[in-house]
Amino acid sequence: MPEEKTTREMVYEISRDVKWICRTLGEMQEQAGDHEDRLRSLEGWRERKTGEEQRACRIGAGAGGLVGGVVAVLVRVIGGW
């Protein structure tokens, strides 16, 4: 038959377990903060990347419009002869 623990032993074990739980929760909170910082960094990178892609699309659209306008003028001038 297992030996019965005294109240003092149980209190000591509970105290040790509570300290372990508190330490583990603190570590989890630190890790959560690190993860949040990394996520914010990735979100910022993605926003910058999206902005660069949009800028490139706008430049391409502007250049396409300019070339289209020049071609239209040339066709009109050449077609008019």
N, C-alpha and C. Protein backbone atom coordinates (compact mmCIF):
# COMPACT_ATOMS: atom_id res chain seq x y z
N MET A 1 0.83 -1.17 0.00
CA MET A 1 0.00 0.00 0.00
C MET A 1 0.89 1.24 0.00
N PRO A 2 0.55 2.23 -0.89
CA PRO A 2 1.40 3.41 -0.96
C PRO A 2 1.40 4.19 0.34
N GLU A 3 2.52 4.81 0.58
CA GLU A 3 2.68 5.58 1.81
C GLU A 3 1.91 6.90 1.70
N GLU A 4 1.16 7.26 2.72
CA GLU A 4 0.40 8.50 2.75
C GLU A 4 1.34 9.68 2.92
N LYS A 5 1.09 10.75 2.17
CA LYS A 5 1.92 11.94 2.28
C LYS A 5 1.36 12.83 3.38
N THR A 6 2.26 13.52 4.02
CA THR A 6 1.81 14.45 5.06
C THR A 6 1.33 15.73 4.38
N THR A 7 0.63 16.52 5.13
CA THR A 7 0.13 17.79 4.61
C THR A 7 1.29 18.68 4.19
N ARG A 8 2.35 18.66 4.96
CA ARG A 8 3.52 19.47 4.66
C ARG A 8 4.13 19.06 3.32
N GLU A 9 4.23 17.77 3.05
CA GLU A 9 4.78 17.28 1.79
C GLU A 9 3.89 17.68 0.60
N MET A 10 2.58 17.57 0.81
CA MET A 10 1.66 17.96 -0.27
C MET A 10 1.75 19.46 -0.56
N VAL A 11 1.84 20.28 0.49
CA VAL A 11 1.96 21.72 0.31
C VAL A 11 3.26 22.04 -0.42
N TYR A 12 4.34 21.35 -0.06
CA TYR A 12 5.62 21.57 -0.72
C TYR A 12 5.53 21.22 -2.21
N GLU A 13 4.90 20.09 -2.54
CA GLU A 13 4.75 19.67 -3.93
C GLU A 13 3.88 20.65 -4.71
N ILE A 14 2.79 21.09 -4.08
CA ILE A 14 1.90 22.04 -4.74
C ILE A 14 2.62 23.35 -4.99
N SER A 15 3.38 23.81 -4.01
CA SER A 15 4.14 25.06 -4.16
C SER A 15 5.14 24.93 -5.29
N ARG A 16 5.83 23.81 -5.36
CA ARG A 16 6.81 23.57 -6.43
C ARG A 16 6.11 23.55 -7.79
N ASP A 17 4.95 22.89 -7.86
CA ASP A 17 4.20 22.82 -9.11
C ASP A 17 3.71 24.20 -9.54
N VAL A 18 3.23 25.01 -8.60
CA VAL A 18 2.75 26.35 -8.91
C VAL A 18 3.90 27.20 -9.44
N LYS A 19 5.07 27.10 -8.83
CA LYS A 19 6.24 27.85 -9.31
C LYS A 19 6.60 27.42 -10.73
N TRP A 20 6.54 26.13 -10.99
CA TRP A 20 6.86 25.63 -12.33
C TRP A 20 5.84 26.16 -13.35
N ILE A 21 4.55 26.14 -12.98
CA ILE A 21 3.50 26.63 -13.87
C ILE A 21 3.70 28.12 -14.15
N CYS A 22 4.00 28.90 -13.13
CA CYS A 22 4.21 30.34 -13.31
C CYS A 22 5.42 30.60 -14.21
N ARG A 23 6.50 29.87 -14.00
CA ARG A 23 7.70 30.04 -14.83
C ARG A 23 7.40 29.67 -16.28
N THR A 24 6.67 28.56 -16.47
CA THR A 24 6.32 28.12 -17.82
C THR A 24 5.41 29.12 -18.51
N LEU A 25 4.44 29.67 -17.80
CA LEU A 25 3.56 30.69 -18.38
C LEU A 25 4.34 31.95 -18.76
N GLY A 26 5.30 32.33 -17.93
CA GLY A 26 6.14 33.48 -18.26
C GLY A 26 6.93 33.25 -19.54
N GLU A 27 7.49 32.04 -19.69
CA GLU A 27 8.23 31.70 -20.90
C GLU A 27 7.32 31.72 -22.12
N MET A 28 6.09 31.23 -21.95
CA MET A 28 5.14 31.22 -23.06
C MET A 28 4.79 32.65 -23.47
N GLN A 29 4.64 33.55 -22.50
CA GLN A 29 4.32 34.94 -22.82
C GLN A 29 5.48 35.60 -23.58
N GLU A 30 6.71 35.30 -23.18
CA GLU A 30 7.88 35.84 -23.89
C GLU A 30 7.90 35.35 -25.33
N GLN A 31 7.64 34.06 -25.51
CA GLN A 31 7.63 33.49 -26.86
C GLN A 31 6.51 34.10 -27.69
N ALA A 32 5.36 34.32 -27.08
CA ALA A 32 4.23 34.92 -27.80
C ALA A 32 4.61 36.33 -28.26
N GLY A 33 5.32 37.06 -27.39
CA GLY A 33 5.77 38.40 -27.78
C GLY A 33 6.75 38.35 -28.94
N ASP A 34 7.67 37.38 -28.91
CA ASP A 34 8.62 37.22 -30.01
C ASP A 34 7.89 36.88 -31.30
N HIS A 35 6.91 36.00 -31.21
CA HIS A 35 6.15 35.62 -32.40
C HIS A 35 5.38 36.81 -32.95
N GLU A 36 4.83 37.61 -32.06
CA GLU A 36 4.07 38.78 -32.51
C GLU A 36 4.99 39.78 -33.20
N ASP A 37 6.19 39.97 -32.65
CA ASP A 37 7.15 40.89 -33.29
C ASP A 37 7.52 40.38 -34.68
N ARG A 38 7.75 39.07 -34.81
CA ARG A 38 8.09 38.52 -36.12
C ARG A 38 6.94 38.65 -37.10
N LEU A 39 5.71 38.43 -36.62
CA LEU A 39 4.54 38.57 -37.50
C LEU A 39 4.40 40.01 -37.98
N ARG A 40 4.58 40.98 -37.08
CA ARG A 40 4.49 42.38 -37.47
C ARG A 40 5.58 42.73 -38.49
N SER A 41 6.76 42.17 -38.31
CA SER A 41 7.84 42.41 -39.26
C SER A 41 7.48 41.84 -40.63
N LEU A 42 6.93 40.63 -40.65
CA LEU A 42 6.52 40.02 -41.92
C LEU A 42 5.39 40.81 -42.59
N GLU A 43 4.45 41.29 -41.79
CA GLU A 43 3.35 42.09 -42.35
C GLU A 43 3.89 43.37 -42.97
N GLY A 44 4.85 44.01 -42.31
CA GLY A 44 5.46 45.22 -42.86
C GLY A 44 6.18 44.93 -44.16
N TRP A 45 6.91 43.83 -44.19
CA TRP A 45 7.63 43.44 -45.41
C TRP A 45 6.65 43.20 -46.55
N ARG A 46 5.55 42.50 -46.24
CA ARG A 46 4.55 42.20 -47.27
C ARG A 46 3.92 43.49 -47.80
N GLU A 47 3.64 44.44 -46.91
CA GLU A 47 3.06 45.72 -47.35
C GLU A 47 4.03 46.48 -48.24
N ARG A 48 5.32 46.48 -47.86
CA ARG A 48 6.32 47.16 -48.70
C ARG A 48 6.42 46.48 -50.06
N LYS A 49 6.41 45.15 -50.05
CA LYS A 49 6.52 44.39 -51.31
C LYS A 49 5.31 44.69 -52.20
N THR A 50 4.12 44.70 -51.61
CA THR A 50 2.90 45.00 -52.36
C THR A 50 2.97 46.41 -52.94
N GLY A 51 3.46 47.36 -52.15
CA GLY A 51 3.59 48.74 -52.63
C GLY A 51 4.56 48.82 -53.81
N GLU A 52 5.67 48.09 -53.73
CA GLU A 52 6.63 48.09 -54.83
C GLU A 52 6.01 47.49 -56.10
N GLU A 53 5.25 46.41 -55.92
CA GLU A 53 4.60 45.77 -57.08
C GLU A 53 3.57 46.72 -57.69
N GLN A 54 2.81 47.40 -56.85
CA GLN A 54 1.81 48.34 -57.37
C GLN A 54 2.49 49.49 -58.11
N ARG A 55 3.60 49.97 -57.57
CA ARG A 55 4.34 51.06 -58.22
C ARG A 55 4.84 50.60 -59.59
N ALA A 56 5.36 49.37 -59.65
CA ALA A 56 5.85 48.84 -60.93
C ALA A 56 4.70 48.71 -61.93
N CYS A 57 3.54 48.29 -61.47
CA CYS A 57 2.37 48.18 -62.36
C CYS A 57 1.95 49.55 -62.87
N ARG A 58 1.97 50.56 -62.00
CA ARG A 58 1.60 51.91 -62.41
C ARG A 58 2.59 52.46 -63.43
N ILE A 59 3.87 52.20 -63.19
CA ILE A 59 4.89 52.67 -64.14
C ILE A 59 4.68 51.98 -65.49
N GLY A 60 4.42 50.66 -65.45
CA GLY A 60 4.17 49.92 -66.69
C GLY A 60 2.93 50.42 -67.41
N ALA A 61 1.88 50.70 -66.66
CA ALA A 61 0.65 51.21 -67.28
C ALA A 61 0.88 52.58 -67.88
N GLY A 62 1.62 53.42 -67.17
CA GLY A 62 1.92 54.76 -67.69
C GLY A 62 2.75 54.68 -68.96
N ALA A 63 3.76 53.82 -68.94
CA ALA A 63 4.61 53.66 -70.13
C ALA A 63 3.78 53.10 -71.29
N GLY A 64 2.91 52.13 -71.00
CA GLY A 64 2.05 51.56 -72.04
C GLY A 64 1.13 52.59 -72.64
N GLY A 65 0.59 53.46 -71.81
CA GLY A 65 -0.28 54.53 -72.29
C GLY A 65 0.47 55.51 -73.16
N LEU A 66 1.68 55.84 -72.73
CA LEU A 66 2.51 56.76 -73.51
C LEU A 66 2.86 56.17 -74.86
N VAL A 67 3.29 54.93 -74.89
CA VAL A 67 3.63 54.26 -76.15
C VAL A 67 2.38 54.15 -77.03
N GLY A 68 1.25 53.82 -76.44
CA GLY A 68 0.00 53.73 -77.21
C GLY A 68 -0.36 55.06 -77.83
N GLY A 69 -0.17 56.13 -77.10
CA GLY A 69 -0.45 57.46 -77.62
C GLY A 69 0.47 57.82 -78.79
N VAL A 70 1.75 57.51 -78.64
CA VAL A 70 2.71 57.79 -79.71
C VAL A 70 2.35 56.98 -80.95
N VAL A 71 2.02 55.70 -80.77
CA VAL A 71 1.64 54.86 -81.90
C VAL A 71 0.39 55.41 -82.57
N ALA A 72 -0.59 55.85 -81.80
CA ALA A 72 -1.81 56.41 -82.38
C ALA A 72 -1.50 57.65 -83.22
N VAL A 73 -0.61 58.50 -82.71
CA VAL A 73 -0.22 59.70 -83.46
C VAL A 73 0.49 59.30 -84.74
N LEU A 74 1.42 58.35 -84.65
CA LEU A 74 2.15 57.91 -85.84
C LEU A 74 1.22 57.28 -86.87
N VAL A 75 0.28 56.47 -86.43
CA VAL A 75 -0.67 55.85 -87.38
C VAL A 75 -1.51 56.93 -88.05
N ARG A 76 -1.90 57.91 -87.29
CA ARG A 76 -2.71 58.99 -87.86
C ARG A 76 -1.90 59.79 -88.87
N VAL A 77 -0.64 60.07 -88.49
CA VAL A 77 0.21 60.85 -89.39
C VAL A 77 0.53 60.04 -90.63
N ILE A 78 0.94 58.81 -90.46
CA ILE A 78 1.30 57.96 -91.61
C ILE A 78 0.06 57.60 -92.41
N GLY A 79 -1.02 57.32 -91.74
CA GLY A 79 -2.27 56.98 -92.44
C GLY A 79 -2.84 58.14 -93.20
N GLY A 80 -2.54 59.35 -92.81
CA GLY A 80 -3.05 60.54 -93.46
C GLY A 80 -2.31 60.87 -94.75
N TRP A 81 -1.17 60.28 -95.01
CA TRP A 81 -0.40 60.57 -96.24
C TRP A 81 -0.94 59.84 -97.37
